[in-house]
N, C-alpha and C. Protein backbone atom coordinates (compact mmCIF):
# COMPACT_ATOMS: atom_id res chain seq x y z
N MET A 1 -3.92 21.42 6.68
CA MET A 1 -4.63 20.83 5.55
C MET A 1 -5.55 19.71 6.05
N SER A 2 -6.82 19.78 5.68
CA SER A 2 -7.76 18.74 6.10
C SER A 2 -7.53 17.48 5.26
N ILE A 3 -7.70 16.33 5.90
CA ILE A 3 -7.42 15.06 5.25
C ILE A 3 -8.68 14.52 4.59
N ASN A 4 -8.58 14.20 3.30
CA ASN A 4 -9.68 13.59 2.57
C ASN A 4 -9.23 12.20 2.09
N GLU A 5 -10.04 11.56 1.24
CA GLU A 5 -9.72 10.19 0.81
C GLU A 5 -8.45 10.13 -0.04
N ASP A 6 -8.24 11.13 -0.90
CA ASP A 6 -7.01 11.15 -1.71
C ASP A 6 -5.78 11.18 -0.83
N LEU A 7 -5.78 12.07 0.14
CA LEU A 7 -4.62 12.20 1.03
C LEU A 7 -4.48 10.99 1.94
N SER A 8 -5.60 10.39 2.33
CA SER A 8 -5.54 9.18 3.14
C SER A 8 -4.88 8.03 2.38
N GLU A 9 -5.21 7.92 1.09
CA GLU A 9 -4.56 6.90 0.27
C GLU A 9 -3.07 7.17 0.15
N LEU A 10 -2.71 8.44 -0.03
CA LEU A 10 -1.29 8.81 -0.11
C LEU A 10 -0.58 8.47 1.20
N ILE A 11 -1.23 8.68 2.32
CA ILE A 11 -0.65 8.33 3.62
C ILE A 11 -0.45 6.82 3.70
N GLY A 12 -1.41 6.05 3.18
CA GLY A 12 -1.25 4.61 3.14
C GLY A 12 -0.07 4.18 2.29
N VAL A 13 0.14 4.87 1.18
CA VAL A 13 1.30 4.58 0.33
C VAL A 13 2.59 4.87 1.09
N PHE A 14 2.60 5.98 1.84
CA PHE A 14 3.78 6.29 2.64
C PHE A 14 4.04 5.18 3.66
N ILE A 15 3.00 4.70 4.31
CA ILE A 15 3.16 3.62 5.29
C ILE A 15 3.78 2.40 4.63
N GLY A 16 3.39 2.13 3.39
CA GLY A 16 3.93 0.96 2.70
C GLY A 16 5.27 1.18 2.03
N ASP A 17 5.36 2.19 1.18
CA ASP A 17 6.55 2.36 0.32
C ASP A 17 7.29 3.67 0.54
N GLY A 18 6.91 4.45 1.53
CA GLY A 18 7.54 5.75 1.71
C GLY A 18 8.52 5.78 2.86
N CYS A 19 9.29 6.85 2.91
CA CYS A 19 10.17 7.08 4.05
C CYS A 19 10.52 8.56 4.14
N LEU A 20 10.82 9.00 5.33
CA LEU A 20 11.35 10.34 5.58
C LEU A 20 12.83 10.20 5.91
N SER A 21 13.66 10.86 5.12
CA SER A 21 15.11 10.76 5.30
C SER A 21 15.70 12.11 5.65
N ARG A 22 16.76 12.07 6.41
CA ARG A 22 17.47 13.31 6.78
C ARG A 22 18.95 13.01 6.90
N TRP A 23 19.77 13.87 6.29
CA TRP A 23 21.21 13.67 6.36
C TRP A 23 21.92 15.02 6.39
N LYS A 24 23.14 14.98 6.86
CA LYS A 24 23.90 16.22 6.99
C LYS A 24 24.68 16.49 5.72
N ARG A 25 24.61 17.75 5.27
CA ARG A 25 25.37 18.18 4.11
C ARG A 25 26.11 19.46 4.49
N ARG A 26 27.38 19.36 4.62
CA ARG A 26 28.22 20.49 5.06
C ARG A 26 27.77 20.94 6.45
N ASP A 27 27.26 22.16 6.55
CA ASP A 27 26.91 22.70 7.87
C ASP A 27 25.41 22.68 8.14
N SER A 28 24.65 21.98 7.32
CA SER A 28 23.19 21.95 7.51
C SER A 28 22.66 20.55 7.23
N TYR A 29 21.36 20.36 7.51
CA TYR A 29 20.72 19.07 7.26
C TYR A 29 19.77 19.18 6.08
N VAL A 30 19.69 18.10 5.33
CA VAL A 30 18.79 18.00 4.19
C VAL A 30 17.71 16.97 4.52
N SER A 31 16.46 17.33 4.27
CA SER A 31 15.34 16.42 4.53
C SER A 31 14.66 16.06 3.21
N ALA A 32 14.15 14.84 3.13
CA ALA A 32 13.50 14.39 1.90
C ALA A 32 12.40 13.39 2.23
N LEU A 33 11.36 13.42 1.42
CA LEU A 33 10.30 12.41 1.45
C LEU A 33 10.44 11.59 0.18
N VAL A 34 10.50 10.27 0.33
CA VAL A 34 10.76 9.40 -0.82
C VAL A 34 9.72 8.29 -0.88
N PHE A 35 9.16 8.08 -2.08
CA PHE A 35 8.32 6.92 -2.36
C PHE A 35 9.07 6.05 -3.37
N THR A 36 9.15 4.76 -3.11
CA THR A 36 9.88 3.85 -4.00
C THR A 36 9.00 2.67 -4.37
N GLY A 37 8.84 2.44 -5.69
CA GLY A 37 7.99 1.35 -6.16
C GLY A 37 8.68 0.49 -7.19
N ASN A 38 7.95 -0.50 -7.69
CA ASN A 38 8.45 -1.42 -8.69
C ASN A 38 8.32 -0.82 -10.08
N LEU A 39 9.39 -0.89 -10.85
CA LEU A 39 9.44 -0.26 -12.17
C LEU A 39 8.34 -0.79 -13.10
N LYS A 40 8.14 -2.09 -13.12
CA LYS A 40 7.18 -2.69 -14.04
C LYS A 40 5.75 -2.56 -13.54
N ASN A 41 5.53 -2.86 -12.28
CA ASN A 41 4.16 -3.01 -11.78
C ASN A 41 3.53 -1.71 -11.30
N ASP A 42 4.34 -0.75 -10.86
CA ASP A 42 3.81 0.42 -10.15
C ASP A 42 3.83 1.72 -10.93
N TYR A 43 4.35 1.71 -12.14
CA TYR A 43 4.57 3.00 -12.83
C TYR A 43 3.25 3.76 -13.03
N LYS A 44 2.22 3.10 -13.52
CA LYS A 44 0.94 3.78 -13.75
C LYS A 44 0.36 4.29 -12.44
N TYR A 45 0.52 3.51 -11.40
CA TYR A 45 0.00 3.94 -10.09
C TYR A 45 0.77 5.15 -9.58
N TYR A 46 2.06 5.19 -9.82
CA TYR A 46 2.86 6.33 -9.37
C TYR A 46 2.50 7.60 -10.16
N GLU A 47 2.07 7.44 -11.40
CA GLU A 47 1.56 8.60 -12.13
C GLU A 47 0.30 9.14 -11.46
N TYR A 48 -0.53 8.25 -10.99
CA TYR A 48 -1.74 8.64 -10.25
C TYR A 48 -1.36 9.35 -8.95
N LEU A 49 -0.38 8.81 -8.21
CA LEU A 49 0.06 9.45 -6.97
C LEU A 49 0.66 10.82 -7.25
N ARG A 50 1.39 10.93 -8.32
CA ARG A 50 2.00 12.22 -8.68
C ARG A 50 0.92 13.27 -8.93
N SER A 51 -0.20 12.85 -9.53
CA SER A 51 -1.29 13.80 -9.78
C SER A 51 -1.93 14.27 -8.47
N ILE A 52 -2.02 13.38 -7.48
CA ILE A 52 -2.55 13.77 -6.17
C ILE A 52 -1.62 14.79 -5.51
N ILE A 53 -0.33 14.51 -5.56
CA ILE A 53 0.65 15.41 -4.94
C ILE A 53 0.65 16.77 -5.63
N LYS A 54 0.53 16.77 -6.93
CA LYS A 54 0.49 18.03 -7.68
C LYS A 54 -0.76 18.83 -7.29
N GLN A 55 -1.89 18.14 -7.12
CA GLN A 55 -3.14 18.82 -6.81
C GLN A 55 -3.13 19.45 -5.42
N TYR A 56 -2.62 18.74 -4.43
CA TYR A 56 -2.74 19.20 -3.05
C TYR A 56 -1.51 19.96 -2.53
N PHE A 57 -0.36 19.71 -3.14
CA PHE A 57 0.86 20.36 -2.65
C PHE A 57 1.49 21.27 -3.68
N ARG A 58 0.90 21.32 -4.89
CA ARG A 58 1.39 22.19 -5.96
C ARG A 58 2.86 21.89 -6.30
N ILE A 59 3.19 20.62 -6.32
CA ILE A 59 4.56 20.20 -6.63
C ILE A 59 4.54 19.43 -7.94
N LYS A 60 5.35 19.85 -8.88
CA LYS A 60 5.53 19.11 -10.14
C LYS A 60 6.81 18.28 -10.03
N LYS A 61 6.67 16.99 -10.20
CA LYS A 61 7.83 16.12 -10.02
C LYS A 61 7.79 14.99 -11.02
N SER A 62 8.94 14.68 -11.61
CA SER A 62 9.05 13.55 -12.53
C SER A 62 9.30 12.26 -11.76
N ILE A 63 8.80 11.17 -12.33
CA ILE A 63 9.07 9.86 -11.75
C ILE A 63 10.45 9.41 -12.22
N ARG A 64 11.32 9.15 -11.28
CA ARG A 64 12.68 8.73 -11.62
C ARG A 64 12.73 7.21 -11.78
N LYS A 65 13.28 6.76 -12.91
CA LYS A 65 13.44 5.32 -13.14
C LYS A 65 14.85 4.89 -12.71
N ARG A 66 14.90 3.87 -11.87
CA ARG A 66 16.17 3.30 -11.42
C ARG A 66 16.24 1.88 -11.97
N LYS A 67 16.58 1.78 -13.25
CA LYS A 67 16.49 0.50 -13.95
C LYS A 67 17.41 -0.57 -13.37
N ASN A 68 18.55 -0.16 -12.84
CA ASN A 68 19.47 -1.13 -12.25
C ASN A 68 18.87 -1.84 -11.04
N PHE A 69 17.89 -1.18 -10.40
CA PHE A 69 17.24 -1.74 -9.22
C PHE A 69 15.79 -2.15 -9.51
N ASN A 70 15.38 -2.07 -10.81
CA ASN A 70 14.00 -2.38 -11.20
C ASN A 70 13.03 -1.56 -10.36
N ALA A 71 13.33 -0.28 -10.16
CA ALA A 71 12.55 0.55 -9.24
C ALA A 71 12.23 1.91 -9.86
N ILE A 72 11.20 2.54 -9.31
CA ILE A 72 10.88 3.93 -9.63
C ILE A 72 10.83 4.70 -8.31
N GLU A 73 10.98 6.02 -8.44
CA GLU A 73 11.12 6.82 -7.22
C GLU A 73 10.49 8.20 -7.42
N LEU A 74 9.80 8.65 -6.39
CA LEU A 74 9.36 10.03 -6.29
C LEU A 74 10.02 10.61 -5.04
N LYS A 75 10.84 11.63 -5.22
CA LYS A 75 11.57 12.22 -4.09
C LYS A 75 11.23 13.71 -4.01
N PHE A 76 10.93 14.16 -2.79
CA PHE A 76 10.54 15.55 -2.57
C PHE A 76 11.38 16.16 -1.45
N TYR A 77 11.86 17.38 -1.71
CA TYR A 77 12.58 18.15 -0.70
C TYR A 77 11.72 19.30 -0.16
N ASP A 78 10.50 19.41 -0.69
CA ASP A 78 9.61 20.51 -0.34
C ASP A 78 9.22 20.45 1.14
N LYS A 79 9.36 21.56 1.84
CA LYS A 79 9.09 21.61 3.28
C LYS A 79 7.62 21.35 3.60
N ASN A 80 6.71 21.82 2.76
CA ASN A 80 5.29 21.68 3.05
C ASN A 80 4.85 20.22 3.11
N ILE A 81 5.27 19.43 2.13
CA ILE A 81 4.84 18.03 2.11
C ILE A 81 5.53 17.24 3.21
N ILE A 82 6.78 17.56 3.51
CA ILE A 82 7.50 16.90 4.61
C ILE A 82 6.85 17.22 5.94
N ASP A 83 6.53 18.50 6.14
CA ASP A 83 5.87 18.91 7.39
C ASP A 83 4.49 18.28 7.53
N PHE A 84 3.81 18.07 6.42
CA PHE A 84 2.49 17.42 6.47
C PHE A 84 2.60 16.03 7.07
N PHE A 85 3.57 15.25 6.62
CA PHE A 85 3.72 13.89 7.14
C PHE A 85 4.24 13.89 8.58
N ILE A 86 5.10 14.81 8.90
CA ILE A 86 5.58 14.91 10.28
C ILE A 86 4.43 15.28 11.21
N SER A 87 3.51 16.13 10.76
CA SER A 87 2.37 16.53 11.59
C SER A 87 1.45 15.36 11.91
N LEU A 88 1.53 14.30 11.12
CA LEU A 88 0.71 13.11 11.35
C LEU A 88 1.35 12.14 12.33
N GLY A 89 2.57 12.46 12.78
CA GLY A 89 3.26 11.62 13.74
C GLY A 89 4.35 10.76 13.15
N PHE A 90 4.57 10.85 11.84
CA PHE A 90 5.64 10.07 11.21
C PHE A 90 6.98 10.73 11.49
N ARG A 91 8.02 9.93 11.55
CA ARG A 91 9.35 10.42 11.91
C ARG A 91 10.39 10.01 10.88
N PHE A 92 11.53 10.68 10.92
CA PHE A 92 12.64 10.34 10.03
C PHE A 92 13.22 8.98 10.42
N GLY A 93 13.73 8.28 9.41
CA GLY A 93 14.41 7.01 9.68
C GLY A 93 13.51 5.81 9.50
N LYS A 94 13.91 4.69 10.08
CA LYS A 94 13.18 3.44 9.92
C LYS A 94 11.77 3.54 10.50
N LYS A 95 10.82 2.88 9.82
CA LYS A 95 9.42 2.96 10.21
C LYS A 95 9.07 1.81 11.16
N LYS A 96 9.64 1.82 12.32
CA LYS A 96 9.38 0.77 13.30
C LYS A 96 8.01 0.97 13.92
N ASP A 97 7.21 -0.11 13.97
CA ASP A 97 5.87 -0.07 14.58
C ASP A 97 5.02 1.05 14.00
N ILE A 98 5.10 1.24 12.70
CA ILE A 98 4.31 2.28 12.06
C ILE A 98 2.83 1.94 12.16
N GLU A 99 1.98 2.96 12.20
CA GLU A 99 0.55 2.72 12.34
C GLU A 99 -0.24 3.80 11.62
N ILE A 100 -1.51 3.50 11.39
CA ILE A 100 -2.43 4.47 10.79
C ILE A 100 -2.74 5.55 11.81
N PRO A 101 -2.60 6.82 11.46
CA PRO A 101 -2.94 7.90 12.41
C PRO A 101 -4.38 7.77 12.91
N LEU A 102 -4.60 8.08 14.18
CA LEU A 102 -5.90 7.86 14.81
C LEU A 102 -7.02 8.66 14.15
N ASP A 103 -6.71 9.88 13.68
CA ASP A 103 -7.74 10.70 13.03
C ASP A 103 -8.28 10.02 11.77
N ILE A 104 -7.43 9.23 11.13
CA ILE A 104 -7.86 8.47 9.95
C ILE A 104 -8.56 7.18 10.39
N LEU A 105 -8.00 6.52 11.37
CA LEU A 105 -8.54 5.24 11.84
C LEU A 105 -9.97 5.38 12.33
N ASP A 106 -10.30 6.52 12.91
CA ASP A 106 -11.64 6.74 13.48
C ASP A 106 -12.69 7.13 12.45
N ASN A 107 -12.28 7.26 11.19
CA ASN A 107 -13.21 7.64 10.12
C ASN A 107 -13.29 6.48 9.12
N ASP A 108 -14.49 5.95 8.90
CA ASP A 108 -14.65 4.75 8.07
C ASP A 108 -14.12 4.94 6.66
N GLN A 109 -14.49 6.03 5.99
CA GLN A 109 -14.07 6.24 4.60
C GLN A 109 -12.57 6.52 4.50
N LEU A 110 -12.05 7.32 5.42
CA LEU A 110 -10.63 7.64 5.39
C LEU A 110 -9.78 6.41 5.70
N SER A 111 -10.22 5.60 6.65
CA SER A 111 -9.44 4.41 7.00
C SER A 111 -9.41 3.43 5.84
N LYS A 112 -10.50 3.28 5.11
CA LYS A 112 -10.51 2.40 3.94
C LYS A 112 -9.61 2.93 2.83
N ALA A 113 -9.61 4.25 2.64
CA ALA A 113 -8.72 4.85 1.64
C ALA A 113 -7.27 4.63 2.01
N CYS A 114 -6.96 4.73 3.30
CA CYS A 114 -5.59 4.49 3.76
C CYS A 114 -5.20 3.03 3.54
N ILE A 115 -6.12 2.11 3.83
CA ILE A 115 -5.86 0.68 3.59
C ILE A 115 -5.63 0.44 2.10
N ARG A 116 -6.35 1.18 1.25
CA ARG A 116 -6.13 1.06 -0.20
C ARG A 116 -4.68 1.36 -0.54
N GLY A 117 -4.14 2.46 0.01
CA GLY A 117 -2.75 2.81 -0.26
C GLY A 117 -1.78 1.78 0.30
N ILE A 118 -2.08 1.24 1.47
CA ILE A 118 -1.22 0.21 2.07
C ILE A 118 -1.23 -1.05 1.21
N PHE A 119 -2.44 -1.48 0.80
CA PHE A 119 -2.54 -2.67 -0.05
C PHE A 119 -1.82 -2.47 -1.38
N ASN A 120 -1.97 -1.29 -1.96
CA ASN A 120 -1.36 -1.04 -3.27
C ASN A 120 0.16 -1.07 -3.22
N THR A 121 0.74 -0.99 -2.03
CA THR A 121 2.20 -1.01 -1.89
C THR A 121 2.71 -2.26 -1.18
N ASP A 122 2.06 -2.66 -0.10
CA ASP A 122 2.50 -3.82 0.67
C ASP A 122 1.63 -5.05 0.46
N GLY A 123 0.67 -4.95 -0.44
CA GLY A 123 -0.26 -6.05 -0.64
C GLY A 123 -0.06 -6.78 -1.95
N SER A 124 -0.75 -7.91 -2.07
CA SER A 124 -0.71 -8.69 -3.30
C SER A 124 -1.97 -9.55 -3.37
N VAL A 125 -2.27 -10.02 -4.57
CA VAL A 125 -3.34 -10.99 -4.75
C VAL A 125 -2.75 -12.12 -5.58
N TYR A 126 -3.03 -13.36 -5.16
CA TYR A 126 -2.45 -14.50 -5.87
C TYR A 126 -3.45 -15.64 -5.90
N LYS A 127 -3.16 -16.61 -6.79
CA LYS A 127 -4.03 -17.77 -6.94
C LYS A 127 -3.64 -18.83 -5.93
N ARG A 128 -4.63 -19.35 -5.23
CA ARG A 128 -4.36 -20.34 -4.18
C ARG A 128 -3.86 -21.63 -4.79
N TYR A 129 -2.84 -22.20 -4.16
CA TYR A 129 -2.23 -23.45 -4.59
C TYR A 129 -2.81 -24.59 -3.77
N SER A 130 -3.13 -25.71 -4.41
CA SER A 130 -3.74 -26.84 -3.72
C SER A 130 -2.89 -28.10 -3.87
N ARG A 131 -2.70 -28.82 -2.76
CA ARG A 131 -2.02 -30.12 -2.79
C ARG A 131 -3.01 -31.28 -2.62
N ARG A 132 -4.28 -30.96 -2.76
CA ARG A 132 -5.29 -31.98 -2.57
C ARG A 132 -5.09 -33.15 -3.52
N TYR A 133 -5.22 -34.34 -3.02
CA TYR A 133 -5.02 -35.56 -3.79
C TYR A 133 -3.62 -35.65 -4.39
N PHE A 134 -2.65 -34.98 -3.74
CA PHE A 134 -1.24 -35.03 -4.15
C PHE A 134 -1.04 -34.53 -5.57
N SER A 135 -1.91 -33.67 -6.03
CA SER A 135 -1.74 -33.12 -7.37
C SER A 135 -1.28 -31.68 -7.26
N ASN A 136 -0.43 -31.27 -8.18
CA ASN A 136 0.03 -29.89 -8.22
C ASN A 136 -0.91 -29.08 -9.10
N SER A 137 -1.83 -28.41 -8.48
CA SER A 137 -2.82 -27.67 -9.26
C SER A 137 -3.13 -26.35 -8.59
N TYR A 138 -3.58 -25.40 -9.39
CA TYR A 138 -3.99 -24.10 -8.88
C TYR A 138 -5.51 -23.99 -8.99
N LEU A 139 -6.09 -23.37 -7.99
CA LEU A 139 -7.53 -23.20 -7.96
C LEU A 139 -7.91 -21.83 -8.52
N ASN A 140 -9.12 -21.74 -9.02
CA ASN A 140 -9.67 -20.46 -9.45
C ASN A 140 -10.14 -19.72 -8.19
N TYR A 141 -9.16 -19.34 -7.37
CA TYR A 141 -9.43 -18.92 -5.99
C TYR A 141 -8.40 -17.88 -5.62
N ALA A 142 -8.85 -16.65 -5.43
CA ALA A 142 -7.93 -15.54 -5.17
C ALA A 142 -7.74 -15.34 -3.67
N VAL A 143 -6.51 -15.00 -3.29
CA VAL A 143 -6.18 -14.70 -1.90
C VAL A 143 -5.57 -13.30 -1.84
N ILE A 144 -6.08 -12.46 -0.95
CA ILE A 144 -5.50 -11.15 -0.70
C ILE A 144 -4.53 -11.26 0.46
N GLU A 145 -3.37 -10.64 0.31
CA GLU A 145 -2.34 -10.71 1.35
C GLU A 145 -1.72 -9.33 1.54
N ILE A 146 -1.55 -8.94 2.81
CA ILE A 146 -0.82 -7.72 3.15
C ILE A 146 0.27 -8.10 4.15
N ARG A 147 1.51 -7.73 3.83
CA ARG A 147 2.65 -8.06 4.69
C ARG A 147 3.33 -6.78 5.18
N ASN A 148 3.68 -6.77 6.46
CA ASN A 148 4.36 -5.61 7.03
C ASN A 148 5.03 -6.03 8.32
N ASN A 149 6.07 -5.32 8.72
CA ASN A 149 6.78 -5.64 9.96
C ASN A 149 6.06 -5.12 11.20
N SER A 150 5.03 -4.29 11.02
CA SER A 150 4.34 -3.69 12.15
C SER A 150 3.09 -4.50 12.51
N ASP A 151 3.11 -5.16 13.66
CA ASP A 151 1.92 -5.87 14.14
C ASP A 151 0.79 -4.89 14.43
N ILE A 152 1.14 -3.71 14.93
CA ILE A 152 0.13 -2.69 15.24
C ILE A 152 -0.65 -2.35 13.98
N LEU A 153 0.06 -2.14 12.87
CA LEU A 153 -0.58 -1.76 11.62
C LEU A 153 -1.55 -2.83 11.13
N LEU A 154 -1.10 -4.08 11.11
CA LEU A 154 -1.96 -5.15 10.59
C LEU A 154 -3.17 -5.37 11.48
N ASN A 155 -3.02 -5.20 12.78
CA ASN A 155 -4.17 -5.31 13.67
C ASN A 155 -5.15 -4.16 13.46
N GLN A 156 -4.63 -2.97 13.13
CA GLN A 156 -5.52 -1.85 12.78
C GLN A 156 -6.32 -2.18 11.52
N ILE A 157 -5.64 -2.71 10.50
CA ILE A 157 -6.32 -3.06 9.25
C ILE A 157 -7.38 -4.12 9.52
N LYS A 158 -7.03 -5.12 10.30
CA LYS A 158 -7.97 -6.18 10.66
C LYS A 158 -9.19 -5.60 11.38
N TYR A 159 -8.94 -4.68 12.29
CA TYR A 159 -10.02 -4.04 13.05
C TYR A 159 -10.98 -3.30 12.12
N VAL A 160 -10.44 -2.50 11.21
CA VAL A 160 -11.28 -1.71 10.30
C VAL A 160 -12.11 -2.63 9.41
N LEU A 161 -11.48 -3.63 8.82
CA LEU A 161 -12.18 -4.50 7.88
C LEU A 161 -13.21 -5.38 8.59
N GLU A 162 -12.88 -5.91 9.74
CA GLU A 162 -13.84 -6.74 10.47
C GLU A 162 -15.04 -5.92 10.92
N ASN A 163 -14.81 -4.68 11.31
CA ASN A 163 -15.92 -3.80 11.69
C ASN A 163 -16.86 -3.54 10.52
N ASP A 164 -16.35 -3.69 9.31
CA ASP A 164 -17.17 -3.49 8.12
C ASP A 164 -17.71 -4.81 7.57
N GLY A 165 -17.54 -5.90 8.33
CA GLY A 165 -18.13 -7.17 7.94
C GLY A 165 -17.25 -8.12 7.16
N PHE A 166 -15.98 -7.77 6.94
CA PHE A 166 -15.06 -8.67 6.25
C PHE A 166 -14.63 -9.80 7.18
N ASN A 167 -14.44 -10.98 6.58
CA ASN A 167 -13.87 -12.12 7.30
C ASN A 167 -12.36 -12.14 7.08
N ILE A 168 -11.61 -11.93 8.15
CA ILE A 168 -10.16 -11.83 8.07
C ILE A 168 -9.51 -13.02 8.76
N ASN A 169 -8.52 -13.62 8.11
CA ASN A 169 -7.79 -14.73 8.72
C ASN A 169 -6.95 -14.24 9.90
N LYS A 170 -6.55 -15.16 10.74
CA LYS A 170 -5.65 -14.84 11.84
C LYS A 170 -4.32 -14.32 11.29
N ILE A 171 -3.81 -13.25 11.87
CA ILE A 171 -2.53 -12.69 11.44
C ILE A 171 -1.41 -13.64 11.84
N THR A 172 -0.53 -13.94 10.89
CA THR A 172 0.58 -14.85 11.15
C THR A 172 1.91 -14.11 11.05
N LYS A 173 2.95 -14.70 11.63
CA LYS A 173 4.28 -14.10 11.61
C LYS A 173 5.28 -15.14 11.13
N ASP A 174 6.20 -14.74 10.23
CA ASP A 174 7.20 -15.69 9.74
C ASP A 174 8.50 -15.56 10.54
N LYS A 175 9.50 -16.34 10.14
CA LYS A 175 10.76 -16.39 10.89
C LYS A 175 11.53 -15.07 10.86
N THR A 176 11.25 -14.24 9.86
CA THR A 176 11.95 -12.95 9.75
C THR A 176 11.30 -11.88 10.63
N GLY A 177 10.15 -12.20 11.22
CA GLY A 177 9.44 -11.22 12.03
C GLY A 177 8.39 -10.44 11.27
N CYS A 178 8.22 -10.75 9.98
CA CYS A 178 7.23 -10.06 9.16
C CYS A 178 5.85 -10.69 9.40
N SER A 179 4.84 -9.87 9.59
CA SER A 179 3.48 -10.35 9.82
C SER A 179 2.67 -10.29 8.53
N THR A 180 1.69 -11.20 8.43
CA THR A 180 0.88 -11.31 7.22
C THR A 180 -0.59 -11.41 7.57
N LEU A 181 -1.39 -10.61 6.88
CA LEU A 181 -2.85 -10.65 6.98
C LEU A 181 -3.39 -11.18 5.66
N ARG A 182 -4.37 -12.10 5.72
CA ARG A 182 -4.93 -12.67 4.49
C ARG A 182 -6.45 -12.63 4.53
N ILE A 183 -7.01 -12.50 3.34
CA ILE A 183 -8.45 -12.65 3.14
C ILE A 183 -8.64 -13.78 2.15
N ASN A 184 -9.31 -14.87 2.58
CA ASN A 184 -9.53 -16.03 1.72
C ASN A 184 -10.96 -16.16 1.23
N ASN A 185 -11.91 -15.66 2.02
CA ASN A 185 -13.31 -15.76 1.64
C ASN A 185 -13.54 -15.04 0.31
N GLN A 186 -14.05 -15.78 -0.69
CA GLN A 186 -14.12 -15.23 -2.04
C GLN A 186 -15.11 -14.07 -2.17
N ASP A 187 -16.19 -14.10 -1.41
CA ASP A 187 -17.11 -12.96 -1.43
C ASP A 187 -16.41 -11.71 -0.90
N ASP A 188 -15.59 -11.89 0.14
CA ASP A 188 -14.89 -10.75 0.72
C ASP A 188 -13.76 -10.27 -0.17
N VAL A 189 -13.11 -11.20 -0.88
CA VAL A 189 -12.06 -10.82 -1.82
C VAL A 189 -12.66 -9.95 -2.93
N GLU A 190 -13.78 -10.39 -3.47
CA GLU A 190 -14.43 -9.61 -4.53
C GLU A 190 -14.91 -8.26 -4.00
N ARG A 191 -15.44 -8.26 -2.80
CA ARG A 191 -15.90 -7.01 -2.20
C ARG A 191 -14.73 -6.06 -1.96
N PHE A 192 -13.60 -6.61 -1.52
CA PHE A 192 -12.41 -5.79 -1.28
C PHE A 192 -12.00 -5.06 -2.56
N PHE A 193 -11.97 -5.79 -3.67
CA PHE A 193 -11.58 -5.14 -4.94
C PHE A 193 -12.67 -4.20 -5.45
N ARG A 194 -13.88 -4.49 -5.13
CA ARG A 194 -14.98 -3.63 -5.58
C ARG A 194 -15.04 -2.32 -4.79
N GLU A 195 -14.77 -2.38 -3.49
CA GLU A 195 -14.98 -1.23 -2.62
C GLU A 195 -13.70 -0.51 -2.19
N ILE A 196 -12.58 -1.23 -2.19
CA ILE A 196 -11.36 -0.65 -1.62
C ILE A 196 -10.23 -0.56 -2.63
N ALA A 197 -9.80 -1.67 -3.20
CA ALA A 197 -8.60 -1.67 -4.06
C ALA A 197 -8.98 -1.37 -5.50
N ILE A 198 -9.22 -0.11 -5.81
CA ILE A 198 -9.76 0.24 -7.12
C ILE A 198 -8.87 1.18 -7.91
N THR A 199 -7.67 1.48 -7.44
CA THR A 199 -6.84 2.49 -8.12
C THR A 199 -5.54 1.93 -8.69
N HIS A 200 -5.18 0.70 -8.38
CA HIS A 200 -3.92 0.13 -8.85
C HIS A 200 -4.22 -0.91 -9.92
N GLU A 201 -3.90 -0.57 -11.18
CA GLU A 201 -4.25 -1.43 -12.31
C GLU A 201 -3.61 -2.81 -12.23
N TYR A 202 -2.38 -2.88 -11.76
CA TYR A 202 -1.68 -4.17 -11.70
C TYR A 202 -2.42 -5.15 -10.81
N HIS A 203 -2.78 -4.72 -9.59
CA HIS A 203 -3.49 -5.61 -8.67
C HIS A 203 -4.88 -5.96 -9.21
N LYS A 204 -5.55 -4.97 -9.78
CA LYS A 204 -6.91 -5.18 -10.27
C LYS A 204 -6.94 -6.22 -11.39
N TYR A 205 -6.01 -6.11 -12.33
CA TYR A 205 -6.01 -7.04 -13.44
C TYR A 205 -5.50 -8.43 -13.04
N ARG A 206 -4.61 -8.50 -12.08
CA ARG A 206 -4.21 -9.81 -11.54
C ARG A 206 -5.42 -10.53 -10.95
N PHE A 207 -6.22 -9.79 -10.22
CA PHE A 207 -7.42 -10.38 -9.63
C PHE A 207 -8.37 -10.88 -10.72
N LEU A 208 -8.59 -10.07 -11.74
CA LEU A 208 -9.51 -10.46 -12.81
C LEU A 208 -9.01 -11.68 -13.56
N VAL A 209 -7.70 -11.80 -13.75
CA VAL A 209 -7.14 -12.96 -14.43
C VAL A 209 -7.31 -14.21 -13.57
N ILE A 210 -7.04 -14.09 -12.28
CA ILE A 210 -7.19 -15.23 -11.37
C ILE A 210 -8.63 -15.74 -11.39
N LYS A 211 -9.59 -14.83 -11.44
CA LYS A 211 -11.00 -15.21 -11.44
C LYS A 211 -11.51 -15.54 -12.84
N ASN A 212 -10.59 -15.64 -13.81
CA ASN A 212 -10.93 -15.97 -15.19
C ASN A 212 -11.90 -14.96 -15.81
N LYS A 213 -11.77 -13.72 -15.41
CA LYS A 213 -12.59 -12.67 -16.00
C LYS A 213 -11.87 -11.98 -17.15
N PHE A 214 -10.57 -12.28 -17.31
CA PHE A 214 -9.81 -11.89 -18.48
C PHE A 214 -9.08 -13.13 -18.99
N LEU A 215 -9.01 -13.30 -20.27
CA LEU A 215 -8.31 -14.44 -20.82
C LEU A 215 -6.80 -14.24 -20.81
N LYS A 216 -6.40 -12.99 -20.89
CA LYS A 216 -4.97 -12.70 -20.96
C LYS A 216 -4.68 -11.45 -20.17
N TYR A 217 -3.59 -11.49 -19.43
CA TYR A 217 -3.21 -10.33 -18.61
C TYR A 217 -2.06 -9.58 -19.28
N LYS A 218 -2.20 -8.28 -19.36
CA LYS A 218 -1.11 -7.44 -19.86
C LYS A 218 -0.85 -6.34 -18.85
N CYS A 219 0.43 -6.13 -18.50
CA CYS A 219 0.78 -5.07 -17.55
C CYS A 219 1.56 -4.00 -18.31
C-alpha cells in the first residue's frame, strides 16, 4: 500500500498513542493494534481516524469507551493493518526510541502529516504563564509543546520543521527522561495551526481561545 497524507497522519497517531501487542492464548499467539486516547478530548478525532481506517483497510470498528480510565480505544486484530505497521519497521511491545520511518521523513508533505498525528496525540497548546513583576498573570501567548520519550523522534520533528523555516526551541529533558520540544514564536505557532495541526478540534479550539479568537471554549 502506498503511503499518502492520511496514512502518514495515522502513522503519527500510532507513534503517539498506538501500540502493537502480542500475547499467547492456549496454543497460539494473538496480535492486536491498539490506539488509546482521552475520552473527553479525543473522541471526535478518533471518529476521524476510524474513517481513515475504514477507507484504506476496509475495517468497520466501534470506538470503545473505557469510562473508568477516562479513555477511548480502537483495537484491531486484522492481519492486514497489523502487517502494514510492521512493514514500516514498528515492532510489538514498548516503543523504545521510536522514530518516523525514513520514507515519510524524506517527503515534505508526508512528514508534516505524520507530525500532525504525533502532535494530535503527544502534543498540547497552552497559554504562557508570566512571573514578570512578581505578578501571577497569563499572557495572550500560545506555546506548542510535544513530549515523548524518544530523543530520535523529537530531533526528527525539529529537523523537518526547521527545514521549513520554523523557529524551534532547544529540546529539553526532564527528570523522568521525557523530552520536550516547544514552539514559542507566535508567528510560527499560528503557522503551525494553519498548515499542520488542522484535524483535531480540541487542540484547534484551545489555540483559538488562547489567542482570544473565541470568547468561550466548548469541547
